[in-house]
Amino acid sequence: MNVYALTYIVLYIGITGVVFNSLQAVRTEQWFKENRTKEIQMLFIGLSMSLGYLITNFLIDLIKYTNQIFILFSCIN
């Protein structure tokens, strides 16, 4: 279980950073009024944390289920 916890933390931090940098490529100036940089930054932080959480949970579940499938097939032989 400790391996999954460490993997989860590392993946979450890494993926959140990648998502945050990717979101900065989106042109959001047209969505907000002028001089609203704090609101845009808070939106980016919230979106990057949310997407980072979802992607990390998907990858961790994929790793867990893949390991369970390997265990299942190793017991059959």
N, C-alpha and C. Protein backbone atom coordinates (compact mmCIF):
# COMPACT_ATOMS: atom_id res chain seq x y z
N MET A 1 0.81 -1.21 0.00
CA MET A 1 0.00 0.00 0.00
C MET A 1 0.85 1.26 0.00
N ASN A 2 2.01 1.24 0.61
CA ASN A 2 2.84 2.43 0.66
C ASN A 2 3.35 2.84 -0.71
N VAL A 3 3.55 1.85 -1.58
CA VAL A 3 4.01 2.16 -2.92
C VAL A 3 2.94 2.94 -3.67
N TYR A 4 1.68 2.55 -3.49
CA TYR A 4 0.59 3.28 -4.15
C TYR A 4 0.46 4.70 -3.62
N ALA A 5 0.66 4.90 -2.34
CA ALA A 5 0.56 6.24 -1.76
C ALA A 5 1.66 7.15 -2.31
N LEU A 6 2.87 6.64 -2.36
CA LEU A 6 3.98 7.43 -2.89
C LEU A 6 3.79 7.70 -4.38
N THR A 7 3.35 6.70 -5.11
CA THR A 7 3.08 6.87 -6.54
C THR A 7 1.99 7.90 -6.76
N TYR A 8 0.95 7.84 -5.94
CA TYR A 8 -0.16 8.79 -6.06
C TYR A 8 0.31 10.22 -5.85
N ILE A 9 1.10 10.44 -4.82
CA ILE A 9 1.57 11.80 -4.51
C ILE A 9 2.45 12.34 -5.63
N VAL A 10 3.38 11.52 -6.10
CA VAL A 10 4.29 11.96 -7.17
C VAL A 10 3.52 12.22 -8.45
N LEU A 11 2.60 11.33 -8.81
CA LEU A 11 1.80 11.53 -10.01
C LEU A 11 0.93 12.78 -9.90
N TYR A 12 0.31 12.98 -8.74
CA TYR A 12 -0.59 14.12 -8.57
C TYR A 12 0.17 15.44 -8.73
N ILE A 13 1.32 15.55 -8.11
CA ILE A 13 2.10 16.78 -8.21
C ILE A 13 2.59 16.99 -9.64
N GLY A 14 3.09 15.94 -10.25
CA GLY A 14 3.60 16.06 -11.62
C GLY A 14 2.52 16.39 -12.63
N ILE A 15 1.41 15.68 -12.54
CA ILE A 15 0.32 15.89 -13.50
C ILE A 15 -0.32 17.25 -13.29
N THR A 16 -0.46 17.69 -12.05
CA THR A 16 -1.03 19.01 -11.80
C THR A 16 -0.15 20.11 -12.40
N GLY A 17 1.16 19.96 -12.30
CA GLY A 17 2.06 20.93 -12.92
C GLY A 17 1.96 20.94 -14.43
N VAL A 18 1.86 19.76 -15.03
CA VAL A 18 1.74 19.67 -16.48
C VAL A 18 0.42 20.28 -16.95
N VAL A 19 -0.66 19.99 -16.23
CA VAL A 19 -1.97 20.54 -16.59
C VAL A 19 -1.97 22.06 -16.43
N PHE A 20 -1.34 22.56 -15.36
CA PHE A 20 -1.29 24.01 -15.16
C PHE A 20 -0.56 24.69 -16.30
N ASN A 21 0.58 24.13 -16.72
CA ASN A 21 1.31 24.70 -17.85
C ASN A 21 0.52 24.59 -19.14
N SER A 22 -0.21 23.51 -19.31
CA SER A 22 -1.02 23.34 -20.52
C SER A 22 -2.18 24.33 -20.56
N LEU A 23 -2.77 24.60 -19.41
CA LEU A 23 -3.90 25.53 -19.37
C LEU A 23 -3.48 26.97 -19.68
N GLN A 24 -2.23 27.28 -19.47
CA GLN A 24 -1.77 28.63 -19.77
C GLN A 24 -1.73 28.90 -21.27
N ALA A 25 -1.79 27.85 -22.07
CA ALA A 25 -1.82 28.03 -23.52
C ALA A 25 -3.20 28.43 -24.02
N VAL A 26 -4.22 28.26 -23.17
CA VAL A 26 -5.59 28.62 -23.56
C VAL A 26 -5.75 30.13 -23.48
N ARG A 27 -6.32 30.71 -24.51
CA ARG A 27 -6.52 32.16 -24.53
C ARG A 27 -7.80 32.50 -23.77
N THR A 28 -7.63 32.96 -22.54
CA THR A 28 -8.79 33.26 -21.70
C THR A 28 -9.07 34.75 -21.59
N GLU A 29 -8.27 35.57 -22.26
CA GLU A 29 -8.49 37.02 -22.16
C GLU A 29 -9.86 37.41 -22.69
N GLN A 30 -10.35 36.66 -23.66
CA GLN A 30 -11.63 37.00 -24.26
C GLN A 30 -12.82 36.56 -23.39
N TRP A 31 -12.58 35.70 -22.40
CA TRP A 31 -13.65 35.23 -21.54
C TRP A 31 -13.91 36.14 -20.35
N PHE A 32 -12.89 36.89 -19.95
CA PHE A 32 -12.98 37.71 -18.74
C PHE A 32 -12.88 39.19 -19.09
N LYS A 33 -13.33 40.02 -18.18
CA LYS A 33 -13.17 41.45 -18.35
C LYS A 33 -11.70 41.82 -18.14
N GLU A 34 -11.34 43.01 -18.51
CA GLU A 34 -9.95 43.46 -18.38
C GLU A 34 -9.55 43.56 -16.91
N ASN A 35 -8.25 43.40 -16.65
CA ASN A 35 -7.66 43.49 -15.31
C ASN A 35 -8.27 42.49 -14.33
N ARG A 36 -8.51 41.29 -14.78
CA ARG A 36 -9.03 40.22 -13.93
C ARG A 36 -8.02 39.07 -13.82
N THR A 37 -6.76 39.41 -13.61
CA THR A 37 -5.72 38.39 -13.61
C THR A 37 -5.83 37.45 -12.40
N LYS A 38 -6.25 37.96 -11.25
CA LYS A 38 -6.38 37.09 -10.08
C LYS A 38 -7.45 36.04 -10.28
N GLU A 39 -8.56 36.42 -10.89
CA GLU A 39 -9.63 35.47 -11.14
C GLU A 39 -9.18 34.41 -12.14
N ILE A 40 -8.45 34.81 -13.15
CA ILE A 40 -7.95 33.87 -14.15
C ILE A 40 -6.95 32.91 -13.50
N GLN A 41 -6.07 33.43 -12.66
CA GLN A 41 -5.10 32.56 -11.98
C GLN A 41 -5.80 31.58 -11.05
N MET A 42 -6.81 32.02 -10.33
CA MET A 42 -7.55 31.11 -9.46
C MET A 42 -8.29 30.04 -10.26
N LEU A 43 -8.81 30.43 -11.41
CA LEU A 43 -9.46 29.46 -12.29
C LEU A 43 -8.46 28.41 -12.76
N PHE A 44 -7.28 28.85 -13.17
CA PHE A 44 -6.24 27.92 -13.62
C PHE A 44 -5.81 26.98 -12.50
N ILE A 45 -5.64 27.51 -11.31
CA ILE A 45 -5.23 26.66 -10.18
C ILE A 45 -6.32 25.64 -9.86
N GLY A 46 -7.56 26.07 -9.82
CA GLY A 46 -8.66 25.13 -9.53
C GLY A 46 -8.83 24.08 -10.61
N LEU A 47 -8.76 24.50 -11.87
CA LEU A 47 -8.89 23.54 -12.96
C LEU A 47 -7.73 22.56 -12.99
N SER A 48 -6.52 23.07 -12.76
CA SER A 48 -5.37 22.17 -12.80
C SER A 48 -5.40 21.17 -11.66
N MET A 49 -5.85 21.60 -10.48
CA MET A 49 -5.96 20.66 -9.36
C MET A 49 -7.05 19.63 -9.63
N SER A 50 -8.17 20.07 -10.19
CA SER A 50 -9.27 19.14 -10.49
C SER A 50 -8.88 18.14 -11.55
N LEU A 51 -8.32 18.61 -12.64
CA LEU A 51 -7.90 17.70 -13.70
C LEU A 51 -6.76 16.80 -13.26
N GLY A 52 -5.85 17.34 -12.46
CA GLY A 52 -4.77 16.52 -11.92
C GLY A 52 -5.30 15.40 -11.05
N TYR A 53 -6.30 15.69 -10.23
CA TYR A 53 -6.92 14.68 -9.38
C TYR A 53 -7.58 13.59 -10.23
N LEU A 54 -8.34 13.99 -11.24
CA LEU A 54 -9.03 13.01 -12.07
C LEU A 54 -8.06 12.13 -12.85
N ILE A 55 -7.05 12.73 -13.44
CA ILE A 55 -6.07 11.97 -14.22
C ILE A 55 -5.27 11.04 -13.32
N THR A 56 -4.88 11.53 -12.16
CA THR A 56 -4.12 10.70 -11.23
C THR A 56 -4.94 9.52 -10.75
N ASN A 57 -6.19 9.73 -10.40
CA ASN A 57 -7.04 8.62 -9.97
C ASN A 57 -7.22 7.61 -11.09
N PHE A 58 -7.37 8.09 -12.32
CA PHE A 58 -7.50 7.17 -13.45
C PHE A 58 -6.25 6.32 -13.60
N LEU A 59 -5.08 6.94 -13.54
CA LEU A 59 -3.83 6.18 -13.70
C LEU A 59 -3.59 5.21 -12.56
N ILE A 60 -3.87 5.62 -11.33
CA ILE A 60 -3.70 4.73 -10.18
C ILE A 60 -4.65 3.54 -10.28
N ASP A 61 -5.90 3.78 -10.64
CA ASP A 61 -6.85 2.68 -10.81
C ASP A 61 -6.40 1.75 -11.94
N LEU A 62 -5.89 2.31 -13.01
CA LEU A 62 -5.39 1.50 -14.11
C LEU A 62 -4.24 0.61 -13.65
N ILE A 63 -3.33 1.16 -12.86
CA ILE A 63 -2.20 0.37 -12.34
C ILE A 63 -2.71 -0.74 -11.41
N LYS A 64 -3.64 -0.40 -10.52
CA LYS A 64 -4.16 -1.40 -9.58
C LYS A 64 -4.87 -2.53 -10.32
N TYR A 65 -5.74 -2.19 -11.28
CA TYR A 65 -6.48 -3.22 -11.98
C TYR A 65 -5.58 -4.06 -12.88
N THR A 66 -4.56 -3.46 -13.43
CA THR A 66 -3.60 -4.23 -14.22
C THR A 66 -2.87 -5.23 -13.34
N ASN A 67 -2.46 -4.82 -12.16
CA ASN A 67 -1.82 -5.74 -11.22
C ASN A 67 -2.76 -6.86 -10.81
N GLN A 68 -4.02 -6.55 -10.60
CA GLN A 68 -4.99 -7.58 -10.23
C GLN A 68 -5.21 -8.57 -11.36
N ILE A 69 -5.20 -8.10 -12.59
CA ILE A 69 -5.35 -9.00 -13.74
C ILE A 69 -4.15 -9.93 -13.83
N PHE A 70 -2.95 -9.39 -13.63
CA PHE A 70 -1.76 -10.25 -13.66
C PHE A 70 -1.81 -11.29 -12.55
N ILE A 71 -2.27 -10.92 -11.38
CA ILE A 71 -2.40 -11.89 -10.28
C ILE A 71 -3.44 -12.95 -10.62
N LEU A 72 -4.54 -12.53 -11.24
CA LEU A 72 -5.59 -13.48 -11.61
C LEU A 72 -5.06 -14.50 -12.60
N PHE A 73 -4.36 -14.05 -13.63
CA PHE A 73 -3.86 -14.98 -14.64
C PHE A 73 -2.69 -15.82 -14.14
N SER A 74 -1.95 -15.33 -13.17
CA SER A 74 -0.87 -16.15 -12.63
C SER A 74 -1.42 -17.27 -11.74
N CYS A 75 -2.59 -17.07 -11.14
CA CYS A 75 -3.21 -18.11 -10.31
C CYS A 75 -3.84 -19.19 -11.17
N ILE A 76 -4.26 -18.86 -12.36
CA ILE A 76 -4.91 -19.83 -13.24
C ILE A 76 -3.90 -20.87 -13.71
N ASN A 77 -2.70 -20.44 -14.02
CA ASN A 77 -1.68 -21.39 -14.50
C ASN A 77 -1.25 -22.19 -13.35
